[in-house]
C-alpha atoms as a PDB file:
ATOM      1  CA  MET A   1     -83.200  47.457  -6.080  1.00  0.00           C
ATOM      2  CA  PRO A   2     -82.849  45.974  -2.563  1.00  0.00           C
ATOM      3  CA  ASP A   3     -81.448  47.899   0.389  1.00  0.00           C
ATOM      4  CA  SER A   4     -77.714  48.420  -0.123  1.00  0.00           C
ATOM      5  CA  GLU A   5     -77.024  46.721   3.215  1.00  0.00           C
ATOM      6  CA  GLU A   6     -78.670  43.510   1.980  1.00  0.00           C
ATOM      7  CA  SER A   7     -76.763  40.990  -0.133  1.00  0.00           C
ATOM      8  CA  ASN A   8     -78.233  39.930  -3.462  1.00  0.00           C
ATOM      9  CA  VAL A   9     -75.951  36.899  -3.712  1.00  0.00           C
ATOM     10  CA  GLY A  10     -77.787  34.560  -1.337  1.00  0.00           C
ATOM     11  CA  ARG A  11     -80.789  32.589  -2.514  1.00  0.00           C
ATOM     12  CA  MET A  12     -79.746  33.137  -6.099  1.00  0.00           C
ATOM     13  CA  PRO A  13     -79.749  30.064  -8.341  1.00  0.00           C
ATOM     14  CA  GLU A  14     -76.239  28.969  -9.277  1.00  0.00           C
ATOM     15  CA  LEU A  15     -75.709  26.961 -12.457  1.00  0.00           C
ATOM     16  CA  THR A  16     -73.988  23.669 -11.610  1.00  0.00           C
ATOM     17  CA  ASP A  17     -74.444  21.655 -14.812  1.00  0.00           C
ATOM     18  CA  PHE A  18     -76.038  21.900 -18.227  1.00  0.00           C
ATOM     19  CA  GLY A  19     -76.790  19.900 -21.344  1.00  0.00           C
ATOM     20  CA  MET A  20     -77.997  20.876 -24.815  1.00  0.00           C
ATOM     21  CA  ILE A  21     -79.809  19.639 -27.870  1.00  0.00           C
ATOM     22  CA  TYR A  22     -80.292  21.638 -31.071  1.00  0.00           C
ATOM     23  CA  SER A  23     -82.357  21.666 -34.226  1.00  0.00           C
ATOM     24  CA  ALA A  24     -81.478  23.141 -37.622  1.00  0.00           C
ATOM     25  CA  VAL A  25     -85.132  22.819 -38.599  1.00  0.00           C
ATOM     26  CA  GLY A  26     -86.286  24.886 -35.619  1.00  0.00           C
ATOM     27  CA  ASN A  27     -83.171  27.092 -35.567  1.00  0.00           C
ATOM     28  CA  ILE A  28     -83.096  26.653 -31.772  1.00  0.00           C
ATOM     29  CA  LEU A  29     -81.056  25.198 -28.962  1.00  0.00           C
ATOM     30  CA  VAL A  30     -82.706  23.681 -25.909  1.00  0.00           C
ATOM     31  CA  VAL A  31     -80.552  23.994 -22.809  1.00  0.00           C
ATOM     32  CA  ASP A  32     -81.130  21.885 -19.685  1.00  0.00           C
ATOM     33  CA  LEU A  33     -79.912  23.819 -16.621  1.00  0.00           C
ATOM     34  CA  VAL A  34     -79.180  22.261 -13.220  1.00  0.00           C
ATOM     35  CA  MET A  35     -79.336  24.814 -10.410  1.00  0.00           C
ATOM     36  CA  LYS A  36     -78.582  25.030  -6.689  1.00  0.00           C
ATOM     37  CA  ASP A  37     -78.749  27.750  -4.028  1.00  0.00           C
ATOM     38  CA  SER A  38     -75.592  29.877  -4.279  1.00  0.00           C
ATOM     39  CA  LEU A  39     -75.169  29.533  -0.505  1.00  0.00           C
ATOM     40  CA  THR A  40     -75.286  25.711  -0.474  1.00  0.00           C
ATOM     41  CA  GLY A  41     -72.535  24.508   1.852  1.00  0.00           C
ATOM     42  CA  HIS A  42     -72.462  27.825   3.730  1.00  0.00           C
ATOM     43  CA  ILE A  43     -75.896  27.803   5.382  1.00  0.00           C
ATOM     44  CA  ASN A  44     -78.073  25.196   7.084  1.00  0.00           C
ATOM     45  CA  ASP A  45     -81.209  25.623   4.964  1.00  0.00           C
ATOM     46  CA  PRO A  46     -80.342  26.085   1.288  1.00  0.00           C
ATOM     47  CA  HIS A  47     -83.298  26.897  -0.937  1.00  0.00           C
ATOM     48  CA  PRO A  48     -84.051  24.202  -3.550  1.00  0.00           C
ATOM     49  CA  PHE A  49     -84.158  25.498  -7.112  1.00  0.00           C
ATOM     50  CA  PRO A  50     -85.795  23.384  -9.810  1.00  0.00           C
ATOM     51  CA  ASP A  51     -83.879  22.368 -12.901  1.00  0.00           C
ATOM     52  CA  MET A  52     -84.913  24.379 -15.951  1.00  0.00           C
ATOM     53  CA  GLN A  53     -85.158  24.028 -19.703  1.00  0.00           C
ATOM     54  CA  LEU A  54     -84.602  27.062 -21.877  1.00  0.00           C
ATOM     55  CA  SER A  55     -85.002  27.382 -25.639  1.00  0.00           C
ATOM     56  CA  ILE A  56     -82.768  29.886 -27.417  1.00  0.00           C
ATOM     57  CA  ARG A  57     -82.750  30.937 -31.059  1.00  0.00           C
ATOM     58  CA  ALA A  58     -79.392  30.302 -32.729  1.00  0.00           C
ATOM     59  CA  ASP A  59     -78.695  34.029 -33.225  1.00  0.00           C
ATOM     60  CA  MET A  60     -79.459  34.796 -29.569  1.00  0.00           C
ATOM     61  CA  ALA A  61     -77.241  31.890 -28.491  1.00  0.00           C
ATOM     62  CA  ARG A  62     -74.334  33.474 -30.396  1.00  0.00           C
ATOM     63  CA  GLU A  63     -74.967  36.857 -28.716  1.00  0.00           C
ATOM     64  CA  LEU A  64     -75.206  35.230 -25.286  1.00  0.00           C
ATOM     65  CA  ALA A  65     -72.005  33.219 -25.845  1.00  0.00           C
ATOM     66  CA  ALA A  66     -70.105  36.358 -26.899  1.00  0.00           C
ATOM     67  CA  GLU A  67     -71.275  38.291 -23.818  1.00  0.00           C
ATOM     68  CA  LEU A  68     -70.476  35.392 -21.481  1.00  0.00           C
ATOM     69  CA  LEU A  69     -66.954  35.186 -22.926  1.00  0.00           C
ATOM     70  CA  LYS A  70     -66.428  38.945 -22.491  1.00  0.00           C
ATOM     71  CA  CYS A  71     -67.502  38.717 -18.848  1.00  0.00           C
ATOM     72  CA  ALA A  72     -65.337  35.644 -18.193  1.00  0.00           C
ATOM     73  CA  ASP A  73     -62.342  37.400 -19.790  1.00  0.00           C
ATOM     74  CA  ALA A  74     -62.928  40.463 -17.563  1.00  0.00           C
ATOM     75  CA  ILE A  75     -63.069  38.277 -14.450  1.00  0.00           C
ATOM     76  CA  GLU A  76     -59.816  36.555 -15.405  1.00  0.00           C
ATOM     77  CA  VAL A  77     -58.001  39.911 -15.513  1.00  0.00           C
ATOM     78  CA  GLY A  78     -59.477  40.987 -12.171  1.00  0.00           C
ATOM     79  CA  LEU A  79     -62.297  43.269 -13.307  1.00  0.00           C
ATOM     80  CA  SER A  80     -65.808  43.492 -11.853  1.00  0.00           C
ATOM     81  CA  HIS A  81     -68.895  44.977 -13.490  1.00  0.00           C
ATOM     82  CA  PRO A  82     -68.952  48.755 -12.889  1.00  0.00           C
ATOM     83  CA  SER A  83     -72.402  48.645 -11.251  1.00  0.00           C
ATOM     84  CA  LEU A  84     -71.240  46.293  -8.458  1.00  0.00           C
ATOM     85  CA  LYS A  85     -70.879  47.860  -5.022  1.00  0.00           C
ATOM     86  CA  PHE A  86     -69.007  46.143  -2.230  1.00  0.00           C
ATOM     87  CA  ILE A  87     -69.929  47.054   1.342  1.00  0.00           C
ATOM     88  CA  ASP A  88     -67.559  46.564   4.262  1.00  0.00           C
END
């Protein structure tokens, strides 16, 4: 883990758009992800992140969707993950 005085937010890819296709035959989803530097608009030299494609089995997609919804629900009620540390 990086030094606690160093932010892990900068230079992290941020999802800005996505698209999907799926196959019953392959039991998979293919997700196209469009990314940008999370500090774009706040710094002079944002890091370019390439767009990505990700294949996900249908069962894993359901697990991921459930976890994403739980996290989004927690954020909406003002909660943060217990491992996050904020430094003044």
